[in-house]
PDB file of N, CA and C in Angstrom:
ATOM      1  N   MET A   1      12.168  -4.371   2.280  1.00  0.00           N
ATOM      2  CA  MET A   1      12.726  -4.259   3.670  1.00  0.00           C
ATOM      3  C   MET A   1      11.098  -4.830   4.470  1.00  0.00           C
ATOM      4  N   LYS A   2      11.213  -5.710   5.231  1.00  0.00           N
ATOM      5  CA  LYS A   2      10.410  -6.323   6.278  1.00  0.00           C
ATOM      6  C   LYS A   2      10.119  -5.455   6.843  1.00  0.00           C
ATOM      7  N   THR A   3       8.757  -5.247   7.351  1.00  0.00           N
ATOM      8  CA  THR A   3       8.066  -4.872   8.394  1.00  0.00           C
ATOM      9  C   THR A   3       8.056  -5.446   9.630  1.00  0.00           C
ATOM     10  N   PRO A   4       8.215  -4.587  10.831  1.00  0.00           N
ATOM     11  CA  PRO A   4       7.771  -5.401  11.984  1.00  0.00           C
ATOM     12  C   PRO A   4       6.706  -6.665  11.867  1.00  0.00           C
ATOM     13  N   ALA A   5       5.686  -6.779  11.258  1.00  0.00           N
ATOM     14  CA  ALA A   5       4.600  -7.529  11.082  1.00  0.00           C
ATOM     15  C   ALA A   5       5.337  -8.746   9.902  1.00  0.00           C
ATOM     16  N   GLY A   6       6.255  -8.689   9.379  1.00  0.00           N
ATOM     17  CA  GLY A   6       7.090  -9.638   8.505  1.00  0.00           C
ATOM     18  C   GLY A   6       6.727  -9.752   7.145  1.00  0.00           C
ATOM     19  N   ARG A   7       6.274  -8.823   7.300  1.00  0.00           N
ATOM     20  CA  ARG A   7       5.906  -8.778   5.156  1.00  0.00           C
ATOM     21  C   ARG A   7       6.756  -7.449   4.549  1.00  0.00           C
ATOM     22  N   GLU A   8       7.286  -7.795   3.438  1.00  0.00           N
ATOM     23  CA  GLU A   8       8.026  -6.906   2.727  1.00  0.00           C
ATOM     24  C   GLU A   8       7.590  -6.257   2.254  1.00  0.00           C
ATOM     25  N   CYS A   9       7.561  -4.654   2.443  1.00  0.00           N
ATOM     26  CA  CYS A   9       7.180  -3.228   2.164  1.00  0.00           C
ATOM     27  C   CYS A   9       8.049  -2.423   1.353  1.00  0.00           C
ATOM     28  N   PRO A  10       7.850  -1.803   0.030  1.00  0.00           N
ATOM     29  CA  PRO A  10       9.042  -0.690  -0.644  1.00  0.00           C
ATOM     30  C   PRO A  10       9.039   0.451   0.232  1.00  0.00           C
ATOM     31  N   HIS A  11       8.142   0.619   1.143  1.00  0.00           N
ATOM     32  CA  HIS A  11       8.048   2.132   1.755  1.00  0.00           C
ATOM     33  C   HIS A  11       8.669   1.956   3.271  1.00  0.00           C
ATOM     34  N   PHE A  12       8.719   0.986   3.894  1.00  0.00           N
ATOM     35  CA  PHE A  12       9.239   0.945   5.354  1.00  0.00           C
ATOM     36  C   PHE A  12      10.819   0.954   5.126  1.00  0.00           C
ATOM     37  N   TYR A  13      11.622   1.481   6.130  1.00  0.00           N
ATOM     38  CA  TYR A  13      12.633   1.666   6.260  1.00  0.00           C
ATOM     39  C   TYR A  13      13.472   1.567   7.648  1.00  0.00           C
ATOM     40  N   GLY A  14      14.389   0.552   7.527  1.00  0.00           N
ATOM     41  CA  GLY A  14      14.720  -0.020   9.180  1.00  0.00           C
ATOM     42  C   GLY A  14      16.343   0.074   9.210  1.00  0.00           C
ATOM     43  N   ASP A  15      16.874   0.944  10.441  1.00  0.00           N
ATOM     44  CA  ASP A  15      18.112   1.038  10.254  1.00  0.00           C
ATOM     45  C   ASP A  15      18.594   0.611  11.739  1.00  0.00           C
ATOM     46  N   TYR A  16      19.428  -0.515  11.448  1.00  0.00           N
ATOM     47  CA  TYR A  16      19.651  -1.517  12.597  1.00  0.00           C
ATOM     48  C   TYR A  16      21.230  -1.828  12.667  1.00  0.00           C
ATOM     49  N   PHE A  17      21.889  -0.634  11.891  1.00  0.00           N
ATOM     50  CA  PHE A  17      23.331  -0.777  11.941  1.00  0.00           C
ATOM     51  C   PHE A  17      24.106  -0.213  13.263  1.00  0.00           C
ATOM     52  N   ARG A  18      24.904  -1.012  13.876  1.00  0.00           N
ATOM     53  CA  ARG A  18      25.729  -0.713  15.004  1.00  0.00           C
ATOM     54  C   ARG A  18      24.731  -0.338  16.134  1.00  0.00           C
ATOM     55  N   GLY A  19      23.661  -1.194  16.337  1.00  0.00           N
ATOM     56  CA  GLY A  19      22.808  -0.561  17.619  1.00  0.00           C
ATOM     57  C   GLY A  19      22.044   0.459  17.264  1.00  0.00           C
ATOM     58  N   ARG A  20      21.633   0.821  16.479  1.00  0.00           N
ATOM     59  CA  ARG A  20      20.489   1.826  15.839  1.00  0.00           C
ATOM     60  C   ARG A  20      19.095   1.276  15.973  1.00  0.00           C
ATOM     61  N   ASN A  21      18.442   1.894  16.161  1.00  0.00           N
ATOM     62  CA  ASN A  21      17.138   0.972  16.030  1.00  0.00           C
ATOM     63  C   ASN A  21      15.982   2.499  15.207  1.00  0.00           C
ATOM     64  N   VAL A  22      16.350   2.487  14.277  1.00  0.00           N
ATOM     65  CA  VAL A  22      15.393   3.803  13.484  1.00  0.00           C
ATOM     66  C   VAL A  22      14.849   2.753  12.326  1.00  0.00           C
ATOM     67  N   GLU A  23      13.006   3.026  12.849  1.00  0.00           N
ATOM     68  CA  GLU A  23      12.136   2.366  11.977  1.00  0.00           C
ATOM     69  C   GLU A  23      11.153   3.455  11.564  1.00  0.00           C
ATOM     70  N   GLU A  24      10.632   3.499  10.091  1.00  0.00           N
ATOM     71  CA  GLU A  24       9.902   4.632   9.857  1.00  0.00           C
ATOM     72  C   GLU A  24       9.237   4.094   8.752  1.00  0.00           C
ATOM     73  N   CYS A  25       8.032   4.759   8.418  1.00  0.00           N
ATOM     74  CA  CYS A  25       7.267   4.426   6.975  1.00  0.00           C
ATOM     75  C   CYS A  25       7.330   5.632   6.165  1.00  0.00           C
ATOM     76  N   ARG A  26       8.268   5.637   5.207  1.00  0.00           N
ATOM     77  CA  ARG A  26       8.279   6.430   4.428  1.00  0.00           C
ATOM     78  C   ARG A  26       7.145   7.334   3.375  1.00  0.00           C
ATOM     79  N   LEU A  27       6.094   6.962   3.591  1.00  0.00           N
ATOM     80  CA  LEU A  27       4.704   6.849   2.680  1.00  0.00           C
ATOM     81  C   LEU A  27       4.428   7.489   3.829  1.00  0.00           C
ATOM     82  N   LEU A  28       4.135   7.184   4.749  1.00  0.00           N
ATOM     83  CA  LEU A  28       3.399   8.322   6.027  1.00  0.00           C
ATOM     84  C   LEU A  28       3.978   9.302   6.400  1.00  0.00           C
ATOM     85  N   LYS A  29       5.451   9.169   6.066  1.00  0.00           N
ATOM     86  CA  LYS A  29       6.379  10.611   6.211  1.00  0.00           C
ATOM     87  C   LYS A  29       6.073  11.676   5.032  1.00  0.00           C
ATOM     88  N   LEU A  30       5.733  11.142   4.215  1.00  0.00           N
ATOM     89  CA  LEU A  30       5.544  12.257   2.751  1.00  0.00           C
ATOM     90  C   LEU A  30       4.490  13.043   3.256  1.00  0.00           C
ATOM     91  N   THR A  31       3.340  12.277   4.016  1.00  0.00           N
ATOM     92  CA  THR A  31       1.787  12.958   4.159  1.00  0.00           C
ATOM     93  C   THR A  31       2.022  13.634   5.582  1.00  0.00           C
ATOM     94  N   GLY A  32       3.258  13.321   6.483  1.00  0.00           N
ATOM     95  CA  GLY A  32       3.181  13.982   7.612  1.00  0.00           C
ATOM     96  C   GLY A  32       2.609  13.661   8.485  1.00  0.00           C
ATOM     97  N   GLN A  33       1.748  12.133   8.503  1.00  0.00           N
ATOM     98  CA  GLN A  33       1.242  11.634   9.613  1.00  0.00           C
ATOM     99  C   GLN A  33       2.620  10.759  10.674  1.00  0.00           C
ATOM    100  N   ASN A  34       1.872  10.420  11.587  1.00  0.00           N
ATOM    101  CA  ASN A  34       2.718   9.460  12.442  1.00  0.00           C
ATOM    102  C   ASN A  34       2.583   8.218  12.330  1.00  0.00           C
ATOM    103  N   TRP A  35       3.751   7.478  12.610  1.00  0.00           N
ATOM    104  CA  TRP A  35       3.765   6.106  12.040  1.00  0.00           C
ATOM    105  C   TRP A  35       4.029   5.221  13.623  1.00  0.00           C
ATOM    106  N   SER A  36       3.387   4.209  13.741  1.00  0.00           N
ATOM    107  CA  SER A  36       4.173   3.292  14.784  1.00  0.00           C
ATOM    108  C   SER A  36       4.117   1.826  14.524  1.00  0.00           C
ATOM    109  N   ARG A  37       4.199   0.920  14.985  1.00  0.00           N
ATOM    110  CA  ARG A  37       4.793  -0.334  14.740  1.00  0.00           C
ATOM    111  C   ARG A  37       3.422  -1.223  14.305  1.00  0.00           C
ATOM    112  N   ASP A  38       2.441  -0.828  15.025  1.00  0.00           N
ATOM    113  CA  ASP A  38       1.404  -1.358  15.210  1.00  0.00           C
ATOM    114  C   ASP A  38       0.420  -1.285  13.809  1.00  0.00           C
ATOM    115  N   LEU A  39       0.814  -0.168  12.843  1.00  0.00           N
ATOM    116  CA  LEU A  39       0.017   0.046  11.925  1.00  0.00           C
ATOM    117  C   LEU A  39       0.444  -1.203  10.742  1.00  0.00           C
ATOM    118  N   CYS A  40       1.797  -1.658  10.642  1.00  0.00           N
ATOM    119  CA  CYS A  40       2.122  -2.597   9.673  1.00  0.00           C
ATOM    120  C   CYS A  40       1.579  -4.184   9.511  1.00  0.00           C
ATOM    121  N   LYS A  41       0.707  -4.117  10.902  1.00  0.00           N
ATOM    122  CA  LYS A  41       0.067  -5.777  11.006  1.00  0.00           C
ATOM    123  C   LYS A  41      -1.197  -5.304   9.906  1.00  0.00           C
ATOM    124  N   THR A  42      -1.954  -4.590   9.846  1.00  0.00           N
ATOM    125  CA  THR A  42      -3.071  -4.258   8.912  1.00  0.00           C
ATOM    126  C   THR A  42      -2.962  -3.298   7.872  1.00  0.00           C
ATOM    127  N   CYS A  43      -1.607  -2.763   7.594  1.00  0.00           N
ATOM    128  CA  CYS A  43      -1.725  -2.014   6.373  1.00  0.00           C
ATOM    129  C   CYS A  43      -1.454  -2.912   4.995  1.00  0.00           C
ATOM    130  N   PRO A  44      -2.365  -2.475   4.102  1.00  0.00           N
ATOM    131  CA  PRO A  44      -2.509  -2.890   2.794  1.00  0.00           C
ATOM    132  C   PRO A  44      -1.575  -2.743   1.470  1.00  0.00           C
ATOM    133  N   VAL A  45      -0.545  -1.927   2.116  1.00  0.00           N
ATOM    134  CA  VAL A  45       0.365  -1.200   1.474  1.00  0.00           C
ATOM    135  C   VAL A  45       1.325  -2.850   0.464  1.00  0.00           C
ATOM    136  N   PRO A  46       2.031  -3.499   1.581  1.00  0.00           N
ATOM    137  CA  PRO A  46       2.765  -4.746   1.180  1.00  0.00           C
ATOM    138  C   PRO A  46       1.926  -5.579  -0.031  1.00  0.00           C
ATOM    139  N   ASP A  47       0.919  -5.500   0.229  1.00  0.00           N
ATOM    140  CA  ASP A  47      -0.357  -6.706  -0.451  1.00  0.00           C
ATOM    141  C   ASP A  47      -0.476  -6.189  -2.099  1.00  0.00           C
ATOM    142  N   ILE A  48      -0.365  -4.453  -1.820  1.00  0.00           N
ATOM    143  CA  ILE A  48      -0.789  -3.995  -3.288  1.00  0.00           C
ATOM    144  C   ILE A  48       0.361  -4.187  -3.958  1.00  0.00           C
ATOM    145  N   ALA A  49       1.933  -3.944  -3.320  1.00  0.00           N
ATOM    146  CA  ALA A  49       2.957  -3.736  -4.086  1.00  0.00           C
ATOM    147  C   ALA A  49       3.036  -4.952  -4.448  1.00  0.00           C
ATOM    148  N   ARG A  50       2.540  -6.241  -3.664  1.00  0.00           N
ATOM    149  CA  ARG A  50       3.163  -7.405  -4.301  1.00  0.00           C
ATOM    150  C   ARG A  50       1.943  -7.843  -5.517  1.00  0.00           C
ATOM    151  N   ALA A  51       0.922  -7.389  -5.276  1.00  0.00           N
ATOM    152  CA  ALA A  51      -0.321  -7.870  -6.622  1.00  0.00           C
ATOM    153  C   ALA A  51      -0.225  -6.642  -7.776  1.00  0.00           C
ATOM    154  N   ASN A  52       0.474  -5.705  -7.518  1.00  0.00           N
ATOM    155  CA  ASN A  52       0.454  -4.632  -8.885  1.00  0.00           C
ATOM    156  C   ASN A  52       2.015  -3.725  -8.730  1.00  0.00           C
ATOM    157  N   SER A  53       2.695  -3.860  -9.631  1.00  0.00           N
ATOM    158  CA  SER A  53       4.005  -3.106  -9.687  1.00  0.00           C
ATOM    159  C   SER A  53       3.655  -2.128 -10.886  1.00  0.00           C
ATOM    160  N   CYS A  54       2.905  -1.447 -11.205  1.00  0.00           N
ATOM    161  CA  CYS A  54       2.525  -0.557 -12.198  1.00  0.00           C
ATOM    162  C   CYS A  54       3.419   0.779 -11.678  1.00  0.00           C
ATOM    163  N   GLU A  55       4.615   1.655 -12.560  1.00  0.00           N
ATOM    164  CA  GLU A  55       4.863   2.792 -12.204  1.00  0.00           C
ATOM    165  C   GLU A  55       4.396   3.521 -12.394  1.00  0.00           C
ATOM    166  N   HIS A  56       2.970   3.761 -13.042  1.00  0.00           N
ATOM    167  CA  HIS A  56       2.307   5.141 -12.797  1.00  0.00           C
ATOM    168  C   HIS A  56       1.189   5.185 -11.974  1.00  0.00           C
ATOM    169  N   MET A  57       0.922   3.646 -11.199  1.00  0.00           N
ATOM    170  CA  MET A  57       0.116   4.217  -9.920  1.00  0.00           C
ATOM    171  C   MET A  57       0.720   4.808  -8.510  1.00  0.00           C
ATOM    172  N   GLN A  58       0.132   5.909  -8.437  1.00  0.00           N
ATOM    173  CA  GLN A  58       0.448   6.510  -6.866  1.00  0.00           C
ATOM    174  C   GLN A  58      -0.295   6.751  -5.978  1.00  0.00           C
ATOM    175  N   LEU A  59       0.333   5.647  -4.725  1.00  0.00           N
ATOM    176  CA  LEU A  59      -0.553   5.544  -3.274  1.00  0.00           C
ATOM    177  C   LEU A  59      -0.655   6.878  -2.686  1.00  0.00           C
ATOM    178  N   SER A  60      -1.661   7.057  -2.108  1.00  0.00           N
ATOM    179  CA  SER A  60      -1.976   8.227  -1.068  1.00  0.00           C
ATOM    180  C   SER A  60      -2.361   7.488  -0.086  1.00  0.00           C
ATOM    181  N   ILE A  61      -2.113   7.675   1.075  1.00  0.00           N
ATOM    182  CA  ILE A  61      -2.433   6.513   2.672  1.00  0.00           C
ATOM    183  C   ILE A  61      -2.810   7.586   3.390  1.00  0.00           C
ATOM    184  N   SER A  62      -3.646   7.132   4.261  1.00  0.00           N
ATOM    185  CA  SER A  62      -4.046   8.235   5.628  1.00  0.00           C
ATOM    186  C   SER A  62      -4.262   7.246   6.815  1.00  0.00           C
ATOM    187  N   VAL A  63      -4.343   7.510   7.964  1.00  0.00           N
ATOM    188  CA  VAL A  63      -4.406   6.960   9.117  1.00  0.00           C
ATOM    189  C   VAL A  63      -5.669   7.098   9.857  1.00  0.00           C
ATOM    190  N   ALA A  64      -6.588   6.634   9.892  1.00  0.00           N
ATOM    191  CA  ALA A  64      -7.932   6.938  10.438  1.00  0.00           C
ATOM    192  C   ALA A  64      -8.368   5.650  11.455  1.00  0.00           C
ATOM    193  N   ARG A  65      -9.265   5.925  12.428  1.00  0.00           N
ATOM    194  CA  ARG A  65     -10.332   4.980  13.171  1.00  0.00           C
ATOM    195  C   ARG A  65     -11.219   4.570  12.195  1.00  0.00           C
ATOM    196  N   PRO A  66     -11.471   3.363  11.939  1.00  0.00           N
ATOM    197  CA  PRO A  66     -12.794   3.017  11.539  1.00  0.00           C
ATOM    198  C   PRO A  66     -13.811   2.796  12.586  1.00  0.00           C
ATOM    199  N   ILE A  67     -15.011   2.629  12.589  1.00  0.00           N
ATOM    200  CA  ILE A  67     -15.960   2.649  13.668  1.00  0.00           C
ATOM    201  C   ILE A  67     -15.829   1.492  14.105  1.00  0.00           C
ATOM    202  N   ALA A  68     -15.540   0.231  13.332  1.00  0.00           N
ATOM    203  CA  ALA A  68     -15.538  -1.252  13.853  1.00  0.00           C
ATOM    204  C   ALA A  68     -14.497  -1.669  14.665  1.00  0.00           C
ATOM    205  N   ALA A  69     -13.424  -0.350  14.945  1.00  0.00           N
ATOM    206  CA  ALA A  69     -11.981  -0.876  15.576  1.00  0.00           C
ATOM    207  C   ALA A  69     -11.839   0.566  16.338  1.00  0.00           C
ATOM    208  N   ILE A  70     -12.643   0.223  17.161  1.00  0.00           N
ATOM    209  CA  ILE A  70     -12.254   1.620  18.093  1.00  0.00           C
ATOM    210  C   ILE A  70     -11.393   2.223  18.691  1.00  0.00           C
ATOM    211  N   PHE A  71     -10.350   1.349  19.194  1.00  0.00           N
ATOM    212  CA  PHE A  71      -8.960   1.565  20.019  1.00  0.00           C
ATOM    213  C   PHE A  71      -7.860   0.938  18.933  1.00  0.00           C
ATOM    214  N   GLN A  72      -8.018   0.744  17.702  1.00  0.00           N
ATOM    215  CA  GLN A  72      -7.158   0.398  16.823  1.00  0.00           C
ATOM    216  C   GLN A  72      -7.266   1.491  15.219  1.00  0.00           C
ATOM    217  N   ARG A  73      -6.232   2.095  15.071  1.00  0.00           N
ATOM    218  CA  ARG A  73      -5.771   3.061  14.053  1.00  0.00           C
ATOM    219  C   ARG A  73      -5.469   2.173  12.920  1.00  0.00           C
ATOM    220  N   ARG A  74      -5.823   2.265  11.857  1.00  0.00           N
ATOM    221  CA  ARG A  74      -6.068   1.722  10.399  1.00  0.00           C
ATOM    222  C   ARG A  74      -5.112   2.308   9.529  1.00  0.00           C
ATOM    223  N   VAL A  75      -4.245   1.913   8.276  1.00  0.00           N
ATOM    224  CA  VAL A  75      -4.004   2.653   7.181  1.00  0.00           C
ATOM    225  C   VAL A  75      -5.189   2.413   6.099  1.00  0.00           C
ATOM    226  N   GLN A  76      -5.783   3.366   5.725  1.00  0.00           N
ATOM    227  CA  GLN A  76      -6.258   3.557   4.299  1.00  0.00           C
ATOM    228  C   GLN A  76      -5.929   4.117   3.186  1.00  0.00           C
ATOM    229  N   VAL A  77      -5.755   3.371   1.913  1.00  0.00           N
ATOM    230  CA  VAL A  77      -5.540   3.499   0.768  1.00  0.00           C
ATOM    231  C   VAL A  77      -6.474   4.140  -0.349  1.00  0.00           C
ATOM    232  N   THR A  78      -5.822   4.977  -1.008  1.00  0.00           N
ATOM    233  CA  THR A  78      -6.726   5.406  -2.297  1.00  0.00           C
ATOM    234  C   THR A  78      -5.305   5.418  -3.483  1.00  0.00           C
ATOM    235  N   ALA A  79      -5.496   5.240  -4.295  1.00  0.00           N
ATOM    236  CA  ALA A  79      -4.520   4.671  -5.447  1.00  0.00           C
ATOM    237  C   ALA A  79      -4.835   5.952  -6.874  1.00  0.00           C
ATOM    238  N   HIS A  80      -4.244   6.307  -7.562  1.00  0.00           N
ATOM    239  CA  HIS A  80      -4.281   7.142  -8.865  1.00  0.00           C
ATOM    240  C   HIS A  80      -3.571   6.753 -10.152  1.00  0.00           C
ATOM    241  N   CYS A  81      -3.916   6.427 -11.365  1.00  0.00           N
ATOM    242  CA  CYS A  81      -3.256   6.372 -11.998  1.00  0.00           C
ATOM    243  C   CYS A  81      -3.007   7.894 -12.979  1.00  0.00           C
ATOM    244  N   ASN A  82      -1.118   7.991 -12.990  1.00  0.00           N
ATOM    245  CA  ASN A  82      -1.051   9.282 -13.995  1.00  0.00           C
ATOM    246  C   ASN A  82      -0.945   9.027 -15.079  1.00  0.00           C
ATOM    247  N   LYS A  83      -0.953   7.832 -15.397  1.00  0.00           N
ATOM    248  CA  LYS A  83      -1.240   7.586 -17.128  1.00  0.00           C
ATOM    249  C   LYS A  83      -2.374   8.373 -17.800  1.00  0.00           C
ATOM    250  N   THR A  84      -3.199   7.270 -16.979  1.00  0.00           N
ATOM    251  CA  THR A  84      -4.738   7.634 -17.434  1.00  0.00           C
ATOM    252  C   THR A  84      -5.118   9.150 -16.502  1.00  0.00           C
ATOM    253  N   ASN A  85      -4.704   9.417 -15.770  1.00  0.00           N
ATOM    254  CA  ASN A  85      -5.547  10.980 -14.905  1.00  0.00           C
ATOM    255  C   ASN A  85      -6.417  10.390 -14.444  1.00  0.00           C
ATOM    256  N   ARG A  86      -6.628   9.055 -13.641  1.00  0.00           N
ATOM    257  CA  ARG A  86      -7.778   8.893 -13.003  1.00  0.00           C
ATOM    258  C   ARG A  86      -7.367   7.958 -11.614  1.00  0.00           C
ATOM    259  N   ASP A  87      -8.326   7.785 -11.124  1.00  0.00           N
ATOM    260  CA  ASP A  87      -8.596   7.366  -9.567  1.00  0.00           C
ATOM    261  C   ASP A  87      -8.706   5.941  -9.957  1.00  0.00           C
ATOM    262  N   VAL A  88      -8.161   4.869  -9.130  1.00  0.00           N
ATOM    263  CA  VAL A  88      -7.918   3.547  -9.416  1.00  0.00           C
ATOM    264  C   VAL A  88      -8.975   2.962  -8.361  1.00  0.00           C
ATOM    265  N   ALA A  89     -10.159   2.267  -8.816  1.00  0.00           N
ATOM    266  CA  ALA A  89     -11.088   1.402  -7.259  1.00  0.00           C
ATOM    267  C   ALA A  89     -10.717   0.651  -7.015  1.00  0.00           C
ATOM    268  N   GLU A  90      -9.758  -0.426  -7.531  1.00  0.00           N
ATOM    269  CA  GLU A  90      -9.196  -1.669  -6.713  1.00  0.00           C
ATOM    270  C   GLU A  90      -7.524  -1.427  -7.167  1.00  0.00           C
ATOM    271  N   PRO A  91      -6.825  -0.987  -6.070  1.00  0.00           N
ATOM    272  CA  PRO A  91      -5.157  -0.575  -6.290  1.00  0.00           C
ATOM    273  C   PRO A  91      -4.716  -2.053  -6.483  1.00  0.00           C
ATOM    274  N   GLN A  92      -5.090  -2.775  -5.927  1.00  0.00           N
ATOM    275  CA  GLN A  92      -4.575  -4.804  -6.446  1.00  0.00           C
ATOM    276  C   GLN A  92      -4.314  -4.906  -7.926  1.00  0.00           C
ATOM    277  N   ILE A  93      -5.669  -4.504  -8.520  1.00  0.00           N
ATOM    278  CA  ILE A  93      -5.675  -4.884  -9.834  1.00  0.00           C
ATOM    279  C   ILE A  93      -5.489  -3.667 -10.969  1.00  0.00           C
ATOM    280  N   GLY A  94      -5.160  -2.445 -10.379  1.00  0.00           N
ATOM    281  CA  GLY A  94      -4.852  -1.504 -11.338  1.00  0.00           C
ATOM    282  C   GLY A  94      -5.805  -0.936 -11.898  1.00  0.00           C
ATOM    283  N   CYS A  95      -5.630   0.250 -12.960  1.00  0.00           N
ATOM    284  CA  CYS A  95      -7.025   0.712 -13.906  1.00  0.00           C
ATOM    285  C   CYS A  95      -7.229  -0.114 -15.011  1.00  0.00           C
ATOM    286  N   GLY A  96      -6.473  -0.883 -15.668  1.00  0.00           N
ATOM    287  CA  GLY A  96      -6.851  -1.483 -16.648  1.00  0.00           C
ATOM    288  C   GLY A  96      -6.092  -0.951 -17.856  1.00  0.00           C
ATOM    289  N   GLU A  97      -5.874   0.208 -18.134  1.00  0.00           N
ATOM    290  CA  GLU A  97      -5.081   0.615 -18.917  1.00  0.00           C
ATOM    291  C   GLU A  97      -3.670   0.446 -19.198  1.00  0.00           C
ATOM    292  N   CYS A  98      -2.993   0.444 -17.947  1.00  0.00           N
ATOM    293  CA  CYS A  98      -1.670   0.490 -18.198  1.00  0.00           C
ATOM    294  C   CYS A  98      -1.111  -1.075 -18.724  1.00  0.00           C
ATOM    295  N   HIS A  99      -1.498  -1.773 -18.200  1.00  0.00           N
ATOM    296  CA  HIS A  99      -1.046  -3.308 -18.177  1.00  0.00           C
ATOM    297  C   HIS A  99      -2.490  -3.961 -18.729  1.00  0.00           C
ATOM    298  N   ALA A 100      -2.497  -4.827 -19.693  1.00  0.00           N
ATOM    299  CA  ALA A 100      -3.944  -5.761 -20.349  1.00  0.00           C
ATOM    300  C   ALA A 100      -4.207  -6.836 -19.509  1.00  0.00           C
ATOM    301  N   LEU A 101      -5.499  -6.896 -18.952  1.00  0.00           N
ATOM    302  CA  LEU A 101      -5.974  -7.735 -18.096  1.00  0.00           C
ATOM    303  C   LEU A 101      -6.064  -9.123 -18.909  1.00  0.00           C
ATOM    304  N   PRO A 102      -6.325  -9.833 -17.899  1.00  0.00           N
ATOM    305  CA  PRO A 102      -6.126 -11.291 -18.722  1.00  0.00           C
ATOM    306  C   PRO A 102      -7.332 -11.593 -19.968  1.00  0.00           C
ATOM    307  N   PHE A 103      -7.107 -12.285 -20.662  1.00  0.00           N
ATOM    308  CA  PHE A 103      -8.530 -12.375 -21.738  1.00  0.00           C
ATOM    309  C   PHE A 103      -9.306 -13.439 -20.993  1.00  0.00           C
ATOM    310  N   LYS A 104     -10.685 -13.315 -21.206  1.00  0.00           N
ATOM    311  CA  LYS A 104     -11.995 -13.926 -20.573  1.00  0.00           C
ATOM    312  C   LYS A 104     -11.911 -15.145 -21.494  1.00  0.00           C
ATOM    313  N   PHE A 105     -12.499 -16.040 -20.899  1.00  0.00           N
ATOM    314  CA  PHE A 105     -12.708 -17.417 -21.338  1.00  0.00           C
ATOM    315  C   PHE A 105     -14.438 -17.522 -22.476  1.00  0.00           C
ATOM    316  N   GLU A 106     -14.180 -17.478 -23.412  1.00  0.00           N
ATOM    317  CA  GLU A 106     -15.932 -17.953 -23.898  1.00  0.00           C
ATOM    318  C   GLU A 106     -15.927 -19.233 -24.012  1.00  0.00           C
ATOM    319  N   ILE A 107     -17.587 -19.039 -23.754  1.00  0.00           N
ATOM    320  CA  ILE A 107     -18.110 -20.514 -23.843  1.00  0.00           C
ATOM    321  C   ILE A 107     -18.986 -20.671 -25.242  1.00  0.00           C
ATOM    322  N   LYS A 108     -18.701 -21.741 -26.178  1.00  0.00           N
ATOM    323  CA  LYS A 108     -18.814 -21.986 -27.210  1.00  0.00           C
ATOM    324  C   LYS A 108     -20.015 -23.049 -27.494  1.00  0.00           C
ATOM    325  N   GLU A 109     -20.880 -22.944 -27.948  1.00  0.00           N
ATOM    326  CA  GLU A 109     -22.221 -23.944 -27.574  1.00  0.00           C
ATOM    327  C   GLU A 109     -22.200 -24.564 -29.063  1.00  0.00           C
TER     328      GLU A 109
END
């Protein structure tokens, strides 16, 4: 479903049927944190979901205020691969074990 920022996110839920206006982030709801519409503007989860669709990767998010953005809260994402049982350094790429990475070009002389 499209977020208030206009991007597709699998964890955003909006119910607008017959005048309702219910919006929530179900990933933040699982962690028990409060959601607001401004978090969708800088959230990296839609980009991660578009780049990597691995069913073994589990995202965990938290809302924090970085030092550079004093007045603005931001979503921070960490990923864990359930298949290899290790943390994923770059969630957009994945762990490298579940899906084969593209081959490397070799330059022959």
